[in-house]
C-alpha cells in the first residue's frame, strides 16, 4: 500500500492507494477430504481488488 500526505493550512489530507492480487491469480486448489477447495488462511479467492482511501485530519 502506498500513502501520500498533503498538508493544507491547519489540516492534513492523507491519500492511500493499493492493489491486492495485481495479476489476478486464482487461489491454488487444496484437497481436504471433503472437496477441492483453497486454503482460506493463506489465500483469498476474491480476485483483484483496487482500493483508494482519503483521511482528513484537522
Protein backbone atom coordinates (compact mmCIF):
# COMPACT_ATOMS: atom_id res chain seq x y z
CA UNK A 1 0.00 0.00 0.00
CA UNK A 2 1.24 3.47 -0.84
CA UNK A 3 0.29 6.50 1.17
CA UNK A 4 0.72 10.23 0.48
CA UNK A 5 0.44 13.13 2.91
CA UNK A 6 -0.65 16.62 1.83
CA UNK A 7 -0.62 19.42 4.42
CA UNK A 8 -3.17 22.24 3.98
CA UNK A 9 -3.06 25.15 6.46
CA UNK A 10 -4.20 23.54 9.73
CA UNK A 11 -5.36 20.27 8.14
CA UNK A 12 -3.71 17.12 6.81
CA UNK A 13 -5.08 15.08 3.92
CA UNK A 14 -3.76 11.52 3.61
CA UNK A 15 -4.41 9.61 0.37
CA UNK A 16 -3.98 5.84 0.23
CA UNK A 17 -3.96 3.68 -2.89
CA UNK A 18 -3.46 -0.07 -3.09
CA UNK A 19 -3.98 -3.15 -5.23
CA UNK A 20 -4.41 -6.67 -3.91
CA UNK A 21 -3.69 -9.59 -6.27
CA UNK A 22 -2.32 -7.33 -9.02
CA UNK A 23 -2.05 -10.12 -11.62
CA UNK A 24 -5.50 -11.62 -10.77
CA UNK A 25 -4.12 -15.08 -9.94
CA UNK A 26 -6.52 -17.74 -8.71
CA UNK A 27 -6.00 -19.37 -5.30
CA UNK A 28 -4.38 -22.82 -5.63
CA UNK A 29 -6.68 -25.78 -5.02
CA UNK A 30 -6.26 -27.91 -1.92
CA UNK A 31 -7.78 -31.36 -1.37
CA UNK A 32 -9.20 -31.52 2.16
CA UNK A 33 -11.03 -34.89 2.04
CA UNK A 34 -14.47 -33.26 1.74
CA UNK A 35 -13.91 -31.44 -1.56
CA UNK A 36 -11.45 -29.42 -3.60
CA UNK A 37 -11.16 -26.01 -2.04
CA UNK A 38 -8.49 -23.42 -1.21
CA UNK A 39 -6.54 -22.68 1.99
CA UNK A 40 -8.58 -19.81 3.40
CA UNK A 41 -5.87 -18.97 5.96
CA UNK A 42 -3.43 -18.20 3.15
CA UNK A 43 -5.46 -17.21 0.09
CA UNK A 44 -8.46 -15.07 -0.86
CA UNK A 45 -10.50 -16.23 -3.89
CA UNK A 46 -11.90 -12.72 -4.44
CA UNK A 47 -9.54 -11.85 -7.28
CA UNK A 48 -8.05 -8.43 -7.95
CA UNK A 49 -9.08 -5.57 -5.69
CA UNK A 50 -8.17 -1.89 -6.07
CA UNK A 51 -8.81 0.50 -3.20
CA UNK A 52 -8.50 4.22 -2.60
CA UNK A 53 -8.78 5.98 0.75
CA UNK A 54 -8.95 9.56 1.96
CA UNK A 55 -8.41 10.80 5.50
CA UNK A 56 -8.76 14.44 6.55
CA UNK A 57 -7.45 15.42 9.98
CA UNK A 58 -7.87 18.92 11.43
